Amino acid sequence: MSISGKLYVWEECAKYAPDEPGIYAFYNEDRVLIYLGGSANLRKTFTHYFETNFSDDSHKRETKYYKRLPIQNWKERAKELLYEYKQKHGSLPKLNIHLEPPEKKVVHEMGFYFYDNVDKSLSEAAFSLKGFQEKIGKVPVSSLEFHQKRGDFARWIRDVFEETHLADRIDKIHKTGEDLRRELLNSLRNPEIAECPECRVMVNPLKKWKMTGNPSKTGEKLQLTIGLYKCNNCKKTFRKVVKKEKIKP
């Protein structure tokens, strides 16, 4: 999947992008998609690319054409399009691949094994969060309902990957059927998005930073990833712990 709409010639139109947040796609001379991204200000981003000839990433100099789409929730939409593209083509556009963080995989003993009931295995398992997301999209709804009711999904994400914020979000999902699948996938695709405590609108973090938490009674230390959020609806600013990681002694 990519951005619909007009295909522009890069050198002729890049400077005239709208002064708005949005997503964009770059294509090479064969009109093959090579990069999909987003920006808080399309005009500033495109002007910088144009004036510096892609000095921040020389590989983008392959760009001959582009598409653009002004949209407020550009981070979520870019993630959704990249996910859809990977599902369809088996990999990301070539200039997005090197931006992906290394995928954490766990040994088979710590994998998530899907069941339809206590004694009915589906022979489906996940050993990474990406693999887990793929399985969530294909296993029967009855399996999703079985595990969600028991709290298995949130427990595995919290205990194995230490993704506290994501686990808490999944734990609060009370849907059934395909609505449950949809909510689970939304959470996995946008793991850092948080609900505004004032008006309940979902918000992406403005920035993140790491800090060391206080030692526990057993002397164990945690490294916390904190997200700073500002609600676009009610303008409330708030913080959330996005991730907790144990610090090795």
Protein backbone atom coordinates (compact mmCIF):
# COMPACT_ATOMS: atom_id res chain seq x y z
CA MET A 1 0.00 0.00 0.00
CA SER A 2 1.10 3.57 -0.60
CA ILE A 3 -0.30 7.08 -0.73
CA SER A 4 -3.04 7.62 -3.28
CA GLY A 5 -3.21 10.72 -5.43
CA LYS A 6 -1.07 12.66 -7.88
CA LEU A 7 2.53 11.69 -8.63
CA TYR A 8 4.69 14.85 -8.68
CA VAL A 9 8.08 15.39 -10.31
CA TRP A 10 10.50 16.00 -7.44
CA GLU A 11 12.63 18.92 -8.66
CA GLU A 12 9.72 20.84 -10.13
CA CYS A 13 7.24 20.73 -7.24
CA ALA A 14 9.08 19.91 -4.01
CA LYS A 15 9.30 23.53 -2.85
CA TYR A 16 5.54 23.99 -3.08
CA ALA A 17 4.44 21.36 -0.58
CA PRO A 18 1.75 22.53 1.89
CA ASP A 19 2.80 24.10 5.18
CA GLU A 20 1.08 21.27 7.11
CA PRO A 21 1.81 17.93 8.79
CA GLY A 22 1.48 14.93 6.52
CA ILE A 23 2.90 11.77 4.99
CA TYR A 24 4.89 11.37 1.77
CA ALA A 25 6.29 8.70 -0.54
CA PHE A 26 9.44 8.85 -2.71
CA TYR A 27 9.79 6.97 -6.00
CA ASN A 28 12.80 6.28 -8.23
CA GLU A 29 12.97 6.86 -11.99
CA ASP A 30 11.14 3.56 -12.57
CA ARG A 31 8.35 4.84 -10.31
CA VAL A 32 9.10 2.19 -7.71
CA LEU A 33 8.41 3.20 -4.09
CA ILE A 34 11.73 3.55 -2.23
CA TYR A 35 10.73 5.43 0.93
CA LEU A 36 7.62 6.27 2.91
CA GLY A 37 7.76 8.82 5.71
CA GLY A 38 6.00 11.63 7.50
CA SER A 39 6.65 15.09 8.84
CA ALA A 40 5.20 17.65 11.22
CA ASN A 41 5.64 20.18 8.39
CA LEU A 42 5.82 18.94 4.80
CA ARG A 43 7.08 22.24 3.39
CA LYS A 44 9.98 22.53 5.84
CA THR A 45 11.00 18.91 5.33
CA PHE A 46 10.82 19.10 1.54
CA THR A 47 12.62 22.46 1.44
CA HIS A 48 15.45 21.00 3.52
CA TYR A 49 15.68 17.94 1.26
CA PHE A 50 15.62 20.14 -1.85
CA GLU A 51 18.16 22.75 -0.72
CA THR A 52 20.65 20.20 0.66
CA ASN A 53 20.13 17.55 -2.05
CA PHE A 54 19.23 14.99 0.61
CA SER A 55 22.44 15.59 2.56
CA ASP A 56 21.04 13.73 5.58
CA ASP A 57 20.54 10.57 3.51
CA SER A 58 22.30 10.41 0.16
CA HIS A 59 20.37 7.27 -0.80
CA LYS A 60 17.25 9.42 -1.17
CA ARG A 61 18.92 11.11 -4.16
CA GLU A 62 17.35 8.33 -6.21
CA THR A 63 14.07 10.22 -5.80
CA LYS A 64 12.58 11.37 -9.09
CA TYR A 65 8.90 11.47 -8.14
CA TYR A 66 6.87 11.79 -4.97
CA LYS A 67 3.38 11.79 -3.50
CA ARG A 68 2.16 13.69 -0.47
CA LEU A 69 -0.90 13.74 1.75
CA PRO A 70 -1.55 16.40 4.42
CA ILE A 71 -2.89 14.66 7.52
CA GLN A 72 -2.81 15.47 11.24
CA ASN A 73 -2.22 11.95 12.58
CA TRP A 74 0.75 11.44 10.23
CA LYS A 75 2.72 9.17 12.58
CA GLU A 76 -0.06 6.62 12.94
CA ARG A 77 -0.92 6.72 9.23
CA ALA A 78 2.72 6.24 8.18
CA LYS A 79 2.99 3.21 10.47
CA GLU A 80 -0.24 1.75 9.10
CA LEU A 81 0.88 2.18 5.47
CA LEU A 82 4.29 0.63 6.16
CA TYR A 83 2.63 -2.31 7.88
CA GLU A 84 0.22 -2.80 4.95
CA TYR A 85 3.09 -2.53 2.45
CA LYS A 86 5.13 -5.14 4.31
CA GLN A 87 2.14 -7.47 4.54
CA LYS A 88 1.67 -7.21 0.78
CA HIS A 89 5.29 -7.26 -0.42
CA GLY A 90 7.07 -9.18 2.35
CA SER A 91 9.45 -6.33 3.21
CA LEU A 92 9.51 -2.56 3.65
CA PRO A 93 10.49 -0.06 0.92
CA LYS A 94 14.26 -0.35 0.61
CA LEU A 95 15.12 2.96 2.30
CA ASN A 96 12.84 2.20 5.24
CA ILE A 97 14.50 -1.13 5.97
CA HIS A 98 17.65 0.31 7.56
CA LEU A 99 15.49 2.47 9.85
CA GLU A 100 13.84 -0.52 11.50
CA PRO A 101 15.21 -1.27 14.98
CA PRO A 102 16.61 -4.77 15.48
CA GLU A 103 13.78 -7.18 16.19
CA LYS A 104 13.94 -8.79 19.60
CA LYS A 105 13.29 -12.51 19.37
CA VAL A 106 12.97 -14.94 22.24
CA VAL A 107 13.86 -18.60 22.57
CA HIS A 108 11.15 -21.19 21.88
CA GLU A 109 10.55 -21.79 25.58
CA MET A 110 9.48 -18.13 26.01
CA GLY A 111 7.36 -17.90 22.87
CA PHE A 112 3.62 -17.31 22.83
CA TYR A 113 1.69 -20.45 21.87
CA PHE A 114 -1.87 -19.96 20.70
CA TYR A 115 -4.72 -22.15 21.93
CA ASP A 116 -8.42 -22.31 21.14
CA ASN A 117 -9.10 -23.74 24.57
CA VAL A 118 -7.11 -25.12 27.48
CA ASP A 119 -6.46 -28.45 25.76
CA LYS A 120 -6.70 -27.37 22.12
CA SER A 121 -3.43 -26.10 20.61
CA LEU A 122 -3.53 -24.29 17.25
CA SER A 123 0.10 -25.09 16.32
CA GLU A 124 0.69 -21.34 15.97
CA ALA A 125 3.39 -19.53 17.94
CA ALA A 126 5.14 -16.13 18.07
CA PHE A 127 8.70 -15.37 19.19
CA SER A 128 8.79 -11.60 18.61
CA LEU A 129 6.30 -8.74 18.79
CA LYS A 130 6.22 -8.50 15.00
CA GLY A 131 5.56 -12.20 14.73
CA PHE A 132 2.92 -11.85 17.42
CA GLN A 133 1.22 -9.08 15.43
CA GLU A 134 1.15 -11.28 12.33
CA LYS A 135 -0.41 -14.15 14.28
CA ILE A 136 -3.03 -11.86 15.82
CA GLY A 137 -4.08 -11.01 12.28
CA LYS A 138 -4.63 -14.63 11.25
CA VAL A 139 -5.58 -16.91 14.16
CA PRO A 140 -9.32 -17.56 14.78
CA VAL A 141 -11.23 -15.01 16.83
CA SER A 142 -12.11 -17.77 19.30
CA SER A 143 -8.41 -18.05 20.17
CA LEU A 144 -8.09 -14.28 20.65
CA GLU A 145 -11.09 -14.25 22.97
CA PHE A 146 -9.77 -17.24 24.93
CA HIS A 147 -6.37 -15.64 25.61
CA GLN A 148 -7.65 -12.09 26.13
CA LYS A 149 -10.15 -13.22 28.76
CA ARG A 150 -7.31 -14.90 30.69
CA GLY A 151 -4.98 -11.88 30.33
CA ASP A 152 -2.41 -14.00 28.48
CA PHE A 153 -1.48 -11.39 25.86
CA ALA A 154 -0.76 -8.56 28.29
CA ARG A 155 1.11 -10.90 30.67
CA TRP A 156 3.41 -12.19 27.91
CA ILE A 157 4.20 -8.71 26.56
CA ARG A 158 4.88 -7.38 30.06
CA ASP A 159 6.92 -10.32 31.39
CA VAL A 160 8.89 -11.25 28.27
CA PHE A 161 9.37 -7.93 26.45
CA GLU A 162 8.93 -5.54 29.42
CA GLU A 163 6.65 -3.34 27.28
CA THR A 164 4.65 -2.09 30.25
CA HIS A 165 2.67 0.62 28.49
CA LEU A 166 1.66 -1.66 25.61
CA ALA A 167 0.70 -4.44 28.03
CA ASP A 168 -1.49 -2.05 30.03
CA ARG A 169 -3.28 -0.91 26.88
CA ILE A 170 -3.97 -4.46 25.78
CA ASP A 171 -5.12 -5.39 29.26
CA LYS A 172 -7.84 -2.71 29.05
CA ILE A 173 -9.36 -4.04 25.82
CA HIS A 174 -12.78 -5.55 26.47
CA LYS A 175 -13.99 -6.15 22.91
CA THR A 176 -15.02 -9.44 21.34
CA GLY A 177 -15.07 -10.86 17.82
CA GLU A 178 -13.39 -8.92 15.02
CA ASP A 179 -13.53 -5.76 17.14
CA LEU A 180 -11.10 -7.46 19.52
CA ARG A 181 -8.73 -8.33 16.68
CA ARG A 182 -8.91 -4.75 15.39
CA GLU A 183 -8.13 -3.24 18.81
CA LEU A 184 -5.24 -5.62 19.39
CA LEU A 185 -3.72 -4.78 16.01
CA ASN A 186 -4.16 -1.04 16.58
CA SER A 187 -2.31 -1.32 19.89
CA LEU A 188 0.53 -3.36 18.39
CA ARG A 189 0.97 -1.04 15.41
CA ASN A 190 1.08 2.07 17.63
CA PRO A 191 2.64 0.84 20.89
CA GLU A 192 3.55 4.31 22.21
CA ILE A 193 0.21 6.01 21.69
CA ALA A 194 -1.51 6.96 24.97
CA GLU A 195 -4.97 7.99 26.07
CA CYS A 196 -5.37 11.55 27.34
CA PRO A 197 -6.50 11.32 30.99
CA GLU A 198 -8.70 14.38 30.50
CA CYS A 199 -10.69 13.77 27.29
CA ARG A 200 -9.72 10.16 26.34
CA VAL A 201 -8.30 11.11 22.92
CA MET A 202 -5.37 8.96 21.75
CA VAL A 203 -2.09 10.93 21.51
CA ASN A 204 1.41 10.23 20.19
CA PRO A 205 4.42 11.29 22.32
CA LEU A 206 6.12 14.61 21.58
CA LYS A 207 9.39 13.18 22.82
CA LYS A 208 10.85 10.33 24.88
CA TRP A 209 13.77 9.95 27.26
CA LYS A 210 15.28 7.30 29.48
CA MET A 211 15.88 7.49 33.22
CA THR A 212 16.86 5.08 35.96
CA GLY A 213 14.14 4.25 38.46
CA ASN A 214 14.63 3.74 42.19
CA PRO A 215 15.94 0.29 43.19
CA SER A 216 13.35 -2.22 44.38
CA LYS A 217 13.52 -3.88 47.81
CA THR A 218 15.60 -6.65 46.26
CA GLY A 219 18.08 -4.13 44.83
CA GLU A 220 16.88 -4.56 41.24
CA LYS A 221 17.13 -1.43 39.08
CA LEU A 222 14.89 -0.49 36.18
CA GLN A 223 15.50 1.79 33.23
CA LEU A 224 12.34 3.68 32.37
CA THR A 225 11.42 5.13 28.99
CA ILE A 226 9.20 8.16 29.61
CA GLY A 227 6.94 9.72 26.99
CA LEU A 228 5.82 13.36 27.06
CA TYR A 229 2.38 13.85 25.52
CA LYS A 230 0.24 16.85 24.60
CA CYS A 231 -3.38 16.28 23.67
CA ASN A 232 -4.38 17.91 20.38
CA ASN A 233 -7.98 18.12 21.60
CA CYS A 234 -7.90 19.58 25.11
CA LYS A 235 -4.20 20.66 25.11
CA LYS A 236 -3.48 18.79 28.34
CA THR A 237 0.19 17.80 28.81
CA PHE A 238 0.95 14.51 30.54
CA ARG A 239 3.61 11.84 30.91
CA LYS A 240 3.51 8.07 30.65
CA VAL A 241 6.01 5.30 31.33
CA VAL A 242 6.29 3.69 27.89
CA LYS A 243 8.70 0.91 28.79
CA LYS A 244 10.46 -0.65 31.78
CA GLU A 245 13.72 -2.57 31.32
CA LYS A 246 15.79 -4.34 33.93
CA ILE A 247 19.33 -3.03 34.23
CA LYS A 248 21.95 -5.72 34.37
CA PRO A 249 24.27 -5.45 37.40
